Amino acid sequence: ARALVGSGEPAMRARLSGDFAPCGMAVVDFDIAHWRDVGFGSGRLD
């Protein structure tokens, strides 16, 4: 999750800095049309 996220609200990104809590969820959006184009740093943490 940390590797995928390149943008998003700083406070929310800071919460992502540790390990996920049990059943914790990160929702990451990509402004692209094809999954094959996803790369590290290309996601926005919603």
PDB file of all heavy atoms in Angstrom:
ATOM      1  N   ALA A   1       0.839  -1.207   0.000  1.00  0.00           N
ATOM      2  CA  ALA A   1       0.000   0.000   0.000  1.00  0.00           C
ATOM      3  C   ALA A   1       0.868   1.249   0.000  1.00  0.00           C
ATOM      4  O   ALA A   1       0.629   2.182  -0.780  1.00  0.00           O
ATOM      5  CB  ALA A   1      -0.934  -0.013   1.206  1.00  0.00           C
ATOM      6  N   ARG A   2       1.859   1.285   0.861  1.00  0.00           N
ATOM      7  CA  ARG A   2       2.737   2.466   0.919  1.00  0.00           C
ATOM      8  C   ARG A   2       3.471   2.683  -0.401  1.00  0.00           C
ATOM      9  O   ARG A   2       3.654   3.818  -0.841  1.00  0.00           O
ATOM     10  CB  ARG A   2       3.728   2.328   2.076  1.00  0.00           C
ATOM     11  CG  ARG A   2       3.090   2.484   3.445  1.00  0.00           C
ATOM     12  CD  ARG A   2       4.120   2.570   4.554  1.00  0.00           C
ATOM     13  NE  ARG A   2       4.970   1.398   4.651  1.00  0.00           N
ATOM     14  CZ  ARG A   2       4.686   0.302   5.354  1.00  0.00           C
ATOM     15  NH1 ARG A   2       3.546   0.234   6.030  1.00  0.00           N
ATOM     16  NH2 ARG A   2       5.536  -0.710   5.400  1.00  0.00           N
ATOM     17  N   ALA A   3       3.886   1.606  -1.048  1.00  0.00           N
ATOM     18  CA  ALA A   3       4.604   1.724  -2.321  1.00  0.00           C
ATOM     19  C   ALA A   3       3.697   2.241  -3.435  1.00  0.00           C
ATOM     20  O   ALA A   3       4.149   2.982  -4.312  1.00  0.00           O
ATOM     21  CB  ALA A   3       5.208   0.374  -2.714  1.00  0.00           C
ATOM     22  N   LEU A   4       2.428   1.862  -3.415  1.00  0.00           N
ATOM     23  CA  LEU A   4       1.500   2.294  -4.462  1.00  0.00           C
ATOM     24  C   LEU A   4       1.116   3.760  -4.353  1.00  0.00           C
ATOM     25  O   LEU A   4       0.873   4.424  -5.353  1.00  0.00           O
ATOM     26  CB  LEU A   4       0.214   1.454  -4.410  1.00  0.00           C
ATOM     27  CG  LEU A   4       0.291   0.038  -4.920  1.00  0.00           C
ATOM     28  CD1 LEU A   4      -1.029  -0.685  -4.647  1.00  0.00           C
ATOM     29  CD2 LEU A   4       0.623  -0.004  -6.398  1.00  0.00           C
ATOM     30  N   VAL A   5       1.021   4.257  -3.119  1.00  0.00           N
ATOM     31  CA  VAL A   5       0.482   5.588  -2.882  1.00  0.00           C
ATOM     32  C   VAL A   5       1.534   6.659  -3.155  1.00  0.00           C
ATOM     33  O   VAL A   5       2.596   6.674  -2.551  1.00  0.00           O
ATOM     34  CB  VAL A   5      -0.049   5.696  -1.437  1.00  0.00           C
ATOM     35  CG1 VAL A   5      -0.406   7.132  -1.100  1.00  0.00           C
ATOM     36  CG2 VAL A   5      -1.257   4.782  -1.254  1.00  0.00           C
ATOM     37  N   GLY A   6       1.183   7.566  -4.075  1.00  0.00           N
ATOM     38  CA  GLY A   6       2.047   8.696  -4.386  1.00  0.00           C
ATOM     39  C   GLY A   6       1.426  10.019  -3.989  1.00  0.00           C
ATOM     40  O   GLY A   6       2.102  11.042  -3.961  1.00  0.00           O
ATOM     41  N   SER A   7       0.121   9.994  -3.684  1.00  0.00           N
ATOM     42  CA  SER A   7      -0.558  11.227  -3.299  1.00  0.00           C
ATOM     43  C   SER A   7      -1.736  10.895  -2.392  1.00  0.00           C
ATOM     44  O   SER A   7      -2.096   9.742  -2.222  1.00  0.00           O
ATOM     45  CB  SER A   7      -1.045  11.994  -4.537  1.00  0.00           C
ATOM     46  OG  SER A   7      -2.027  11.243  -5.235  1.00  0.00           O
ATOM     47  N   GLY A   8      -2.318  11.938  -1.869  1.00  0.00           N
ATOM     48  CA  GLY A   8      -3.442  11.806  -0.947  1.00  0.00           C
ATOM     49  C   GLY A   8      -3.236  12.742   0.229  1.00  0.00           C
ATOM     50  O   GLY A   8      -2.162  13.337   0.387  1.00  0.00           O
ATOM     51  N   GLU A   9      -4.250  12.873   1.037  1.00  0.00           N
ATOM     52  CA  GLU A   9      -4.192  13.761   2.190  1.00  0.00           C
ATOM     53  C   GLU A   9      -3.019  13.363   3.089  1.00  0.00           C
ATOM     54  O   GLU A   9      -2.894  12.197   3.481  1.00  0.00           O
ATOM     55  CB  GLU A   9      -5.504  13.681   2.957  1.00  0.00           C
ATOM     56  CG  GLU A   9      -5.552  14.530   4.179  1.00  0.00           C
ATOM     57  CD  GLU A   9      -6.813  14.270   5.005  1.00  0.00           C
ATOM     58  OE1 GLU A   9      -7.858  13.958   4.420  1.00  0.00           O
ATOM     59  OE2 GLU A   9      -6.708  14.379   6.232  1.00  0.00           O
ATOM     60  N   PRO A  10      -2.137  14.315   3.435  1.00  0.00           N
ATOM     61  CA  PRO A  10      -0.950  13.988   4.231  1.00  0.00           C
ATOM     62  C   PRO A  10      -1.253  13.274   5.556  1.00  0.00           C
ATOM     63  O   PRO A  10      -0.559  12.325   5.918  1.00  0.00           O
ATOM     64  CB  PRO A  10      -0.286  15.342   4.463  1.00  0.00           C
ATOM     65  CG  PRO A  10      -0.714  16.159   3.284  1.00  0.00           C
ATOM     66  CD  PRO A  10      -2.123  15.714   2.994  1.00  0.00           C
ATOM     67  N   ALA A  11      -2.288  13.696   6.267  1.00  0.00           N
ATOM     68  CA  ALA A  11      -2.610  13.058   7.545  1.00  0.00           C
ATOM     69  C   ALA A  11      -3.039  11.606   7.332  1.00  0.00           C
ATOM     70  O   ALA A  11      -2.678  10.727   8.117  1.00  0.00           O
ATOM     71  CB  ALA A  11      -3.706  13.832   8.270  1.00  0.00           C
ATOM     72  N   MET A  12      -3.782  11.367   6.277  1.00  0.00           N
ATOM     73  CA  MET A  12      -4.216   9.998   5.973  1.00  0.00           C
ATOM     74  C   MET A  12      -3.017   9.156   5.561  1.00  0.00           C
ATOM     75  O   MET A  12      -2.876   8.005   5.985  1.00  0.00           O
ATOM     76  CB  MET A  12      -5.268  10.016   4.857  1.00  0.00           C
ATOM     77  CG  MET A  12      -5.914   8.680   4.595  1.00  0.00           C
ATOM     78  SD  MET A  12      -6.966   8.083   5.927  1.00  0.00           S
ATOM     79  CE  MET A  12      -8.251   9.306   5.938  1.00  0.00           C
ATOM     80  N   ARG A  13      -2.142   9.722   4.759  1.00  0.00           N
ATOM     81  CA  ARG A  13      -0.934   8.991   4.345  1.00  0.00           C
ATOM     82  C   ARG A  13      -0.054   8.681   5.553  1.00  0.00           C
ATOM     83  O   ARG A  13       0.563   7.615   5.606  1.00  0.00           O
ATOM     84  CB  ARG A  13      -0.163   9.790   3.298  1.00  0.00           C
ATOM     85  CG  ARG A  13      -0.906   9.834   1.961  1.00  0.00           C
ATOM     86  CD  ARG A  13      -0.169  10.620   0.931  1.00  0.00           C
ATOM     87  NE  ARG A  13       1.083   9.935   0.561  1.00  0.00           N
ATOM     88  CZ  ARG A  13       1.997  10.475  -0.209  1.00  0.00           C
ATOM     89  NH1 ARG A  13       1.839  11.687  -0.684  1.00  0.00           N
ATOM     90  NH2 ARG A  13       3.084   9.796  -0.516  1.00  0.00           N
ATOM     91  N   ALA A  14      -0.005   9.571   6.511  1.00  0.00           N
ATOM     92  CA  ALA A  14       0.782   9.332   7.718  1.00  0.00           C
ATOM     93  C   ALA A  14       0.228   8.139   8.496  1.00  0.00           C
ATOM     94  O   ALA A  14       0.991   7.360   9.063  1.00  0.00           O
ATOM     95  CB  ALA A  14       0.804  10.578   8.597  1.00  0.00           C
ATOM     96  N   ARG A  15      -1.088   7.983   8.516  1.00  0.00           N
ATOM     97  CA  ARG A  15      -1.700   6.841   9.215  1.00  0.00           C
ATOM     98  C   ARG A  15      -1.330   5.527   8.537  1.00  0.00           C
ATOM     99  O   ARG A  15      -1.348   4.477   9.148  1.00  0.00           O
ATOM    100  CB  ARG A  15      -3.225   6.984   9.237  1.00  0.00           C
ATOM    101  CG  ARG A  15      -3.685   8.134  10.131  1.00  0.00           C
ATOM    102  CD  ARG A  15      -5.174   8.118  10.420  1.00  0.00           C
ATOM    103  NE  ARG A  15      -5.521   6.890  11.101  1.00  0.00           N
ATOM    104  CZ  ARG A  15      -6.327   5.951  10.592  1.00  0.00           C
ATOM    105  NH1 ARG A  15      -6.886   6.104   9.430  1.00  0.00           N
ATOM    106  NH2 ARG A  15      -6.594   4.867  11.274  1.00  0.00           N
ATOM    107  N   LEU A  16      -0.981   5.593   7.267  1.00  0.00           N
ATOM    108  CA  LEU A  16      -0.623   4.400   6.505  1.00  0.00           C
ATOM    109  C   LEU A  16       0.839   4.004   6.743  1.00  0.00           C
ATOM    110  O   LEU A  16       1.293   2.995   6.238  1.00  0.00           O
ATOM    111  CB  LEU A  16      -0.860   4.672   5.013  1.00  0.00           C
ATOM    112  CG  LEU A  16      -0.913   3.493   4.062  1.00  0.00           C
ATOM    113  CD1 LEU A  16      -2.073   2.587   4.387  1.00  0.00           C
ATOM    114  CD2 LEU A  16      -1.011   3.991   2.635  1.00  0.00           C
ATOM    115  N   SER A  17       1.551   4.766   7.541  1.00  0.00           N
ATOM    116  CA  SER A  17       2.983   4.544   7.693  1.00  0.00           C
ATOM    117  C   SER A  17       3.343   3.256   8.437  1.00  0.00           C
ATOM    118  O   SER A  17       4.431   2.732   8.265  1.00  0.00           O
ATOM    119  CB  SER A  17       3.638   5.740   8.389  1.00  0.00           C
ATOM    120  OG  SER A  17       3.140   5.855   9.707  1.00  0.00           O
ATOM    121  N   GLY A  18       2.453   2.723   9.240  1.00  0.00           N
ATOM    122  CA  GLY A  18       2.738   1.484   9.970  1.00  0.00           C
ATOM    123  C   GLY A  18       2.069   0.284   9.325  1.00  0.00           C
ATOM    124  O   GLY A  18       1.549   0.364   8.216  1.00  0.00           O
ATOM    125  N   ASP A  19       2.094  -0.827  10.025  1.00  0.00           N
ATOM    126  CA  ASP A  19       1.404  -2.025   9.543  1.00  0.00           C
ATOM    127  C   ASP A  19      -0.099  -1.855   9.665  1.00  0.00           C
ATOM    128  O   ASP A  19      -0.588  -1.175  10.564  1.00  0.00           O
ATOM    129  CB  ASP A  19       1.830  -3.255  10.360  1.00  0.00           C
ATOM    130  CG  ASP A  19       3.169  -3.803   9.922  1.00  0.00           C
ATOM    131  OD1 ASP A  19       3.662  -3.426   8.837  1.00  0.00           O
ATOM    132  OD2 ASP A  19       3.733  -4.626  10.669  1.00  0.00           O
ATOM    133  N   PHE A  20      -0.828  -2.501   8.774  1.00  0.00           N
ATOM    134  CA  PHE A  20      -2.288  -2.478   8.820  1.00  0.00           C
ATOM    135  C   PHE A  20      -2.781  -3.125  10.113  1.00  0.00           C
ATOM    136  O   PHE A  20      -2.271  -4.170  10.527  1.00  0.00           O
ATOM    137  CB  PHE A  20      -2.880  -3.287   7.665  1.00  0.00           C
ATOM    138  CG  PHE A  20      -2.969  -2.572   6.363  1.00  0.00           C
ATOM    139  CD1 PHE A  20      -2.100  -1.562   6.013  1.00  0.00           C
ATOM    140  CD2 PHE A  20      -3.935  -2.940   5.449  1.00  0.00           C
ATOM    141  CE1 PHE A  20      -2.192  -0.923   4.786  1.00  0.00           C
ATOM    142  CE2 PHE A  20      -4.038  -2.320   4.223  1.00  0.00           C
ATOM    143  CZ  PHE A  20      -3.175  -1.309   3.888  1.00  0.00           C
ATOM    144  N   ALA A  21      -3.789  -2.523  10.719  1.00  0.00           N
ATOM    145  CA  ALA A  21      -4.495  -3.160  11.828  1.00  0.00           C
ATOM    146  C   ALA A  21      -5.265  -4.357  11.267  1.00  0.00           C
ATOM    147  O   ALA A  21      -5.576  -4.398  10.066  1.00  0.00           O
ATOM    148  CB  ALA A  21      -5.477  -2.167  12.448  1.00  0.00           C
ATOM    149  N   PRO A  22      -5.598  -5.337  12.103  1.00  0.00           N
ATOM    150  CA  PRO A  22      -6.440  -6.432  11.599  1.00  0.00           C
ATOM    151  C   PRO A  22      -7.719  -5.880  10.971  1.00  0.00           C
ATOM    152  O   PRO A  22      -8.405  -5.049  11.560  1.00  0.00           O
ATOM    153  CB  PRO A  22      -6.736  -7.260  12.850  1.00  0.00           C
ATOM    154  CG  PRO A  22      -5.547  -7.010  13.727  1.00  0.00           C
ATOM    155  CD  PRO A  22      -5.211  -5.558  13.496  1.00  0.00           C
ATOM    156  N   CYS A  23      -7.992  -6.289   9.770  1.00  0.00           N
ATOM    157  CA  CYS A  23      -9.143  -5.876   8.955  1.00  0.00           C
ATOM    158  C   CYS A  23      -9.084  -4.395   8.571  1.00  0.00           C
ATOM    159  O   CYS A  23     -10.060  -3.834   8.111  1.00  0.00           O
ATOM    160  CB  CYS A  23     -10.472  -6.236   9.615  1.00  0.00           C
ATOM    161  SG  CYS A  23     -11.700  -6.816   8.414  1.00  0.00           S
ATOM    162  N   GLY A  24      -7.904  -3.778   8.725  1.00  0.00           N
ATOM    163  CA  GLY A  24      -7.708  -2.419   8.246  1.00  0.00           C
ATOM    164  C   GLY A  24      -7.742  -2.412   6.723  1.00  0.00           C
ATOM    165  O   GLY A  24      -7.362  -3.393   6.084  1.00  0.00           O
ATOM    166  N   MET A  25      -8.213  -1.302   6.161  1.00  0.00           N
ATOM    167  CA  MET A  25      -8.374  -1.202   4.707  1.00  0.00           C
ATOM    168  C   MET A  25      -7.847   0.117   4.173  1.00  0.00           C
ATOM    169  O   MET A  25      -8.155   1.174   4.704  1.00  0.00           O
ATOM    170  CB  MET A  25      -9.844  -1.284   4.317  1.00  0.00           C
ATOM    171  CG  MET A  25     -10.483  -2.583   4.565  1.00  0.00           C
ATOM    172  SD  MET A  25     -12.196  -2.556   4.002  1.00  0.00           S
ATOM    173  CE  MET A  25     -12.651  -4.220   4.452  1.00  0.00           C
ATOM    174  N   ALA A  26      -7.093   0.006   3.095  1.00  0.00           N
ATOM    175  CA  ALA A  26      -6.663   1.185   2.346  1.00  0.00           C
ATOM    176  C   ALA A  26      -7.409   1.173   1.020  1.00  0.00           C
ATOM    177  O   ALA A  26      -7.458   0.143   0.340  1.00  0.00           O
ATOM    178  CB  ALA A  26      -5.163   1.156   2.100  1.00  0.00           C
ATOM    179  N   VAL A  27      -7.997   2.297   0.674  1.00  0.00           N
ATOM    180  CA  VAL A  27      -8.671   2.455  -0.614  1.00  0.00           C
ATOM    181  C   VAL A  27      -7.786   3.375  -1.442  1.00  0.00           C
ATOM    182  O   VAL A  27      -7.536   4.522  -1.064  1.00  0.00           O
ATOM    183  CB  VAL A  27     -10.084   3.039  -0.447  1.00  0.00           C
ATOM    184  CG1 VAL A  27     -10.758   3.223  -1.808  1.00  0.00           C
ATOM    185  CG2 VAL A  27     -10.931   2.147   0.465  1.00  0.00           C
ATOM    186  N   VAL A  28      -7.289   2.838  -2.554  1.00  0.00           N
ATOM    187  CA  VAL A  28      -6.340   3.550  -3.403  1.00  0.00           C
ATOM    188  C   VAL A  28      -6.950   3.711  -4.792  1.00  0.00           C
ATOM    189  O   VAL A  28      -7.385   2.725  -5.398  1.00  0.00           O
ATOM    190  CB  VAL A  28      -4.997   2.794  -3.495  1.00  0.00           C
ATOM    191  CG1 VAL A  28      -3.981   3.581  -4.316  1.00  0.00           C
ATOM    192  CG2 VAL A  28      -4.439   2.487  -2.097  1.00  0.00           C
ATOM    193  N   ASP A  29      -6.985   4.937  -5.279  1.00  0.00           N
ATOM    194  CA  ASP A  29      -7.536   5.229  -6.599  1.00  0.00           C
ATOM    195  C   ASP A  29      -6.410   5.500  -7.592  1.00  0.00           C
ATOM    196  O   ASP A  29      -5.383   6.098  -7.236  1.00  0.00           O
ATOM    197  CB  ASP A  29      -8.468   6.442  -6.537  1.00  0.00           C
ATOM    198  CG  ASP A  29      -9.722   6.171  -5.716  1.00  0.00           C
ATOM    199  OD1 ASP A  29     -10.184   5.011  -5.698  1.00  0.00           O
ATOM    200  OD2 ASP A  29     -10.235   7.120  -5.094  1.00  0.00           O
ATOM    201  N   PHE A  30      -6.649   5.080  -8.837  1.00  0.00           N
ATOM    202  CA  PHE A  30      -5.690   5.285  -9.917  1.00  0.00           C
ATOM    203  C   PHE A  30      -6.413   5.985 -11.059  1.00  0.00           C
ATOM    204  O   PHE A  30      -7.445   5.505 -11.525  1.00  0.00           O
ATOM    205  CB  PHE A  30      -5.127   3.945 -10.412  1.00  0.00           C
ATOM    206  CG  PHE A  30      -4.448   3.151  -9.332  1.00  0.00           C
ATOM    207  CD1 PHE A  30      -5.159   2.210  -8.598  1.00  0.00           C
ATOM    208  CD2 PHE A  30      -3.114   3.366  -9.037  1.00  0.00           C
ATOM    209  CE1 PHE A  30      -4.544   1.483  -7.595  1.00  0.00           C
ATOM    210  CE2 PHE A  30      -2.486   2.639  -8.036  1.00  0.00           C
ATOM    211  CZ  PHE A  30      -3.210   1.698  -7.316  1.00  0.00           C
ATOM    212  N   ASP A  31      -5.871   7.086 -11.515  1.00  0.00           N
ATOM    213  CA  ASP A  31      -6.482   7.857 -12.594  1.00  0.00           C
ATOM    214  C   ASP A  31      -5.964   7.329 -13.937  1.00  0.00           C
ATOM    215  O   ASP A  31      -5.306   8.048 -14.693  1.00  0.00           O
ATOM    216  CB  ASP A  31      -6.165   9.342 -12.423  1.00  0.00           C
ATOM    217  CG  ASP A  31      -7.011  10.212 -13.338  1.00  0.00           C
ATOM    218  OD1 ASP A  31      -8.055   9.726 -13.823  1.00  0.00           O
ATOM    219  OD2 ASP A  31      -6.614  11.366 -13.583  1.00  0.00           O
ATOM    220  N   ILE A  32      -6.257   6.059 -14.190  1.00  0.00           N
ATOM    221  CA  ILE A  32      -5.850   5.379 -15.420  1.00  0.00           C
ATOM    222  C   ILE A  32      -6.972   4.435 -15.830  1.00  0.00           C
ATOM    223  O   ILE A  32      -7.891   4.177 -15.058  1.00  0.00           O
ATOM    224  CB  ILE A  32      -4.527   4.586 -15.232  1.00  0.00           C
ATOM    225  CG1 ILE A  32      -4.656   3.603 -14.068  1.00  0.00           C
ATOM    226  CG2 ILE A  32      -3.351   5.519 -15.015  1.00  0.00           C
ATOM    227  CD1 ILE A  32      -3.439   2.715 -13.872  1.00  0.00           C
ATOM    228  N   ALA A  33      -6.885   3.896 -17.039  1.00  0.00           N
ATOM    229  CA  ALA A  33      -7.928   3.005 -17.552  1.00  0.00           C
ATOM    230  C   ALA A  33      -7.535   1.531 -17.535  1.00  0.00           C
ATOM    231  O   ALA A  33      -8.394   0.669 -17.661  1.00  0.00           O
ATOM    232  CB  ALA A  33      -8.294   3.416 -18.980  1.00  0.00           C
ATOM    233  N   HIS A  34      -6.252   1.245 -17.402  1.00  0.00           N
ATOM    234  CA  HIS A  34      -5.780  -0.137 -17.525  1.00  0.00           C
ATOM    235  C   HIS A  34      -4.958  -0.538 -16.307  1.00  0.00           C
ATOM    236  O   HIS A  34      -4.002   0.160 -15.938  1.00  0.00           O
ATOM    237  CB  HIS A  34      -4.917  -0.303 -18.789  1.00  0.00           C
ATOM    238  CG  HIS A  34      -5.576   0.186 -20.021  1.00  0.00           C
ATOM    239  ND1 HIS A  34      -6.603  -0.483 -20.633  1.00  0.00           N
ATOM    240  CD2 HIS A  34      -5.356   1.317 -20.754  1.00  0.00           C
ATOM    241  CE1 HIS A  34      -6.989   0.194 -21.699  1.00  0.00           C
ATOM    242  NE2 HIS A  34      -6.258   1.293 -21.787  1.00  0.00           N
ATOM    243  N   TRP A  35      -5.301  -1.666 -15.711  1.00  0.00           N
ATOM    244  CA  TRP A  35      -4.563  -2.175 -14.561  1.00  0.00           C
ATOM    245  C   TRP A  35      -3.087  -2.407 -14.900  1.00  0.00           C
ATOM    246  O   TRP A  35      -2.221  -2.245 -14.045  1.00  0.00           O
ATOM    247  CB  TRP A  35      -5.206  -3.461 -14.034  1.00  0.00           C
ATOM    248  CG  TRP A  35      -6.527  -3.220 -13.378  1.00  0.00           C
ATOM    249  CD1 TRP A  35      -7.767  -3.408 -13.916  1.00  0.00           C
ATOM    250  CD2 TRP A  35      -6.750  -2.745 -12.037  1.00  0.00           C
ATOM    251  NE1 TRP A  35      -8.746  -3.069 -13.006  1.00  0.00           N
ATOM    252  CE2 TRP A  35      -8.146  -2.665 -11.850  1.00  0.00           C
ATOM    253  CE3 TRP A  35      -5.903  -2.382 -11.003  1.00  0.00           C
ATOM    254  CZ2 TRP A  35      -8.708  -2.246 -10.641  1.00  0.00           C
ATOM    255  CZ3 TRP A  35      -6.463  -1.962  -9.798  1.00  0.00           C
ATOM    256  CH2 TRP A  35      -7.851  -1.890  -9.633  1.00  0.00           C
ATOM    257  N   ARG A  36      -2.813  -2.760 -16.123  1.00  0.00           N
ATOM    258  CA  ARG A  36      -1.420  -3.036 -16.507  1.00  0.00           C
ATOM    259  C   ARG A  36      -0.540  -1.796 -16.382  1.00  0.00           C
ATOM    260  O   ARG A  36       0.678  -1.890 -16.346  1.00  0.00           O
ATOM    261  CB  ARG A  36      -1.355  -3.594 -17.932  1.00  0.00           C
ATOM    262  CG  ARG A  36      -1.721  -2.592 -19.008  1.00  0.00           C
ATOM    263  CD  ARG A  36      -1.595  -3.157 -20.414  1.00  0.00           C
ATOM    264  NE  ARG A  36      -2.037  -2.198 -21.392  1.00  0.00           N
ATOM    265  CZ  ARG A  36      -3.253  -2.154 -21.920  1.00  0.00           C
ATOM    266  NH1 ARG A  36      -4.157  -3.046 -21.577  1.00  0.00           N
ATOM    267  NH2 ARG A  36      -3.569  -1.218 -22.803  1.00  0.00           N
ATOM    268  N   ASP A  37      -1.156  -0.600 -16.318  1.00  0.00           N
ATOM    269  CA  ASP A  37      -0.406   0.647 -16.228  1.00  0.00           C
ATOM    270  C   ASP A  37      -0.158   1.114 -14.797  1.00  0.00           C
ATOM    271  O   ASP A  37       0.496   2.140 -14.582  1.00  0.00           O
ATOM    272  CB  ASP A  37      -1.132   1.749 -16.997  1.00  0.00           C
ATOM    273  CG  ASP A  37      -1.210   1.454 -18.485  1.00  0.00           C
ATOM    274  OD1 ASP A  37      -0.311   0.740 -18.996  1.00  0.00           O
ATOM    275  OD2 ASP A  37      -2.162   1.927 -19.132  1.00  0.00           O
ATOM    276  N   VAL A  38      -0.672   0.374 -13.806  1.00  0.00           N
ATOM    277  CA  VAL A  38      -0.452   0.748 -12.416  1.00  0.00           C
ATOM    278  C   VAL A  38       1.025   0.562 -12.080  1.00  0.00           C
ATOM    279  O   VAL A  38       1.645  -0.425 -12.464  1.00  0.00           O
ATOM    280  CB  VAL A  38      -1.319  -0.106 -11.469  1.00  0.00           C
ATOM    281  CG1 VAL A  38      -0.926   0.124 -10.013  1.00  0.00           C
ATOM    282  CG2 VAL A  38      -2.793   0.199 -11.672  1.00  0.00           C
ATOM    283  N   GLY A  39       1.579   1.532 -11.383  1.00  0.00           N
ATOM    284  CA  GLY A  39       2.969   1.444 -10.947  1.00  0.00           C
ATOM    285  C   GLY A  39       3.095   1.962  -9.530  1.00  0.00           C
ATOM    286  O   GLY A  39       2.185   2.607  -8.990  1.00  0.00           O
ATOM    287  N   PHE A  40       4.216   1.679  -8.920  1.00  0.00           N
ATOM    288  CA  PHE A  40       4.472   2.207  -7.588  1.00  0.00           C
ATOM    289  C   PHE A  40       4.458   3.728  -7.640  1.00  0.00           C
ATOM    290  O   PHE A  40       4.990   4.344  -8.562  1.00  0.00           O
ATOM    291  CB  PHE A  40       5.802   1.687  -7.044  1.00  0.00           C
ATOM    292  CG  PHE A  40       5.780   0.225  -6.715  1.00  0.00           C
ATOM    293  CD1 PHE A  40       6.808  -0.603  -7.110  1.00  0.00           C
ATOM    294  CD2 PHE A  40       4.727  -0.336  -6.006  1.00  0.00           C
ATOM    295  CE1 PHE A  40       6.797  -1.958  -6.803  1.00  0.00           C
ATOM    296  CE2 PHE A  40       4.701  -1.678  -5.693  1.00  0.00           C
ATOM    297  CZ  PHE A  40       5.729  -2.503  -6.095  1.00  0.00           C
ATOM    298  N   GLY A  41       3.795   4.332  -6.674  1.00  0.00           N
ATOM    299  CA  GLY A  41       3.697   5.786  -6.598  1.00  0.00           C
ATOM    300  C   GLY A  41       2.601   6.381  -7.455  1.00  0.00           C
ATOM    301  O   GLY A  41       2.408   7.594  -7.452  1.00  0.00           O
ATOM    302  N   SER A  42       1.832   5.556  -8.182  1.00  0.00           N
ATOM    303  CA  SER A  42       0.822   6.091  -9.102  1.00  0.00           C
ATOM    304  C   SER A  42      -0.568   6.221  -8.480  1.00  0.00           C
ATOM    305  O   SER A  42      -1.469   6.755  -9.106  1.00  0.00           O
ATOM    306  CB  SER A  42       0.731   5.217 -10.359  1.00  0.00           C
ATOM    307  OG  SER A  42       0.236   3.931 -10.050  1.00  0.00           O
ATOM    308  N   GLY A  43      -0.747   5.763  -7.264  1.00  0.00           N
ATOM    309  CA  GLY A  43      -2.064   5.796  -6.638  1.00  0.00           C
ATOM    310  C   GLY A  43      -2.265   6.994  -5.728  1.00  0.00           C
ATOM    311  O   GLY A  43      -1.314   7.591  -5.226  1.00  0.00           O
ATOM    312  N   ARG A  44      -3.533   7.312  -5.530  1.00  0.00           N
ATOM    313  CA  ARG A  44      -3.932   8.359  -4.578  1.00  0.00           C
ATOM    314  C   ARG A  44      -4.690   7.677  -3.453  1.00  0.00           C
ATOM    315  O   ARG A  44      -5.677   6.986  -3.687  1.00  0.00           O
ATOM    316  CB  ARG A  44      -4.829   9.402  -5.231  1.00  0.00           C
ATOM    317  CG  ARG A  44      -5.230  10.541  -4.260  1.00  0.00           C
ATOM    318  CD  ARG A  44      -6.248  11.479  -4.862  1.00  0.00           C
ATOM    319  NE  ARG A  44      -7.491  10.828  -5.226  1.00  0.00           N
ATOM    320  CZ  ARG A  44      -8.475  10.519  -4.375  1.00  0.00           C
ATOM    321  NH1 ARG A  44      -8.358  10.769  -3.095  1.00  0.00           N
ATOM    322  NH2 ARG A  44      -9.570   9.939  -4.818  1.00  0.00           N
ATOM    323  N   LEU A  45      -4.207   7.843  -2.221  1.00  0.00           N
ATOM    324  CA  LEU A  45      -4.880   7.247  -1.072  1.00  0.00           C
ATOM    325  C   LEU A  45      -6.182   7.990  -0.815  1.00  0.00           C
ATOM    326  O   LEU A  45      -6.172   9.175  -0.481  1.00  0.00           O
ATOM    327  CB  LEU A  45      -3.980   7.288   0.167  1.00  0.00           C
ATOM    328  CG  LEU A  45      -4.570   6.667   1.431  1.00  0.00           C
ATOM    329  CD1 LEU A  45      -4.841   5.173   1.234  1.00  0.00           C
ATOM    330  CD2 LEU A  45      -3.642   6.895   2.616  1.00  0.00           C
ATOM    331  N   ASP A  46      -7.286   7.299  -0.997  1.00  0.00           N
ATOM    332  CA  ASP A  46      -8.599   7.873  -0.719  1.00  0.00           C
ATOM    333  C   ASP A  46      -8.880   7.823   0.778  1.00  0.00           C
ATOM    334  O   ASP A  46      -9.387   8.770   1.351  1.00  0.00           O
ATOM    335  CB  ASP A  46      -9.677   7.114  -1.493  1.00  0.00           C
ATOM    336  CG  ASP A  46     -11.059   7.607  -1.190  1.00  0.00           C
ATOM    337  OD1 ASP A  46     -11.394   8.725  -1.618  1.00  0.00           O
ATOM    338  OD2 ASP A  46     -11.813   6.867  -0.503  1.00  0.00           O
TER     339      ASP A  46
END
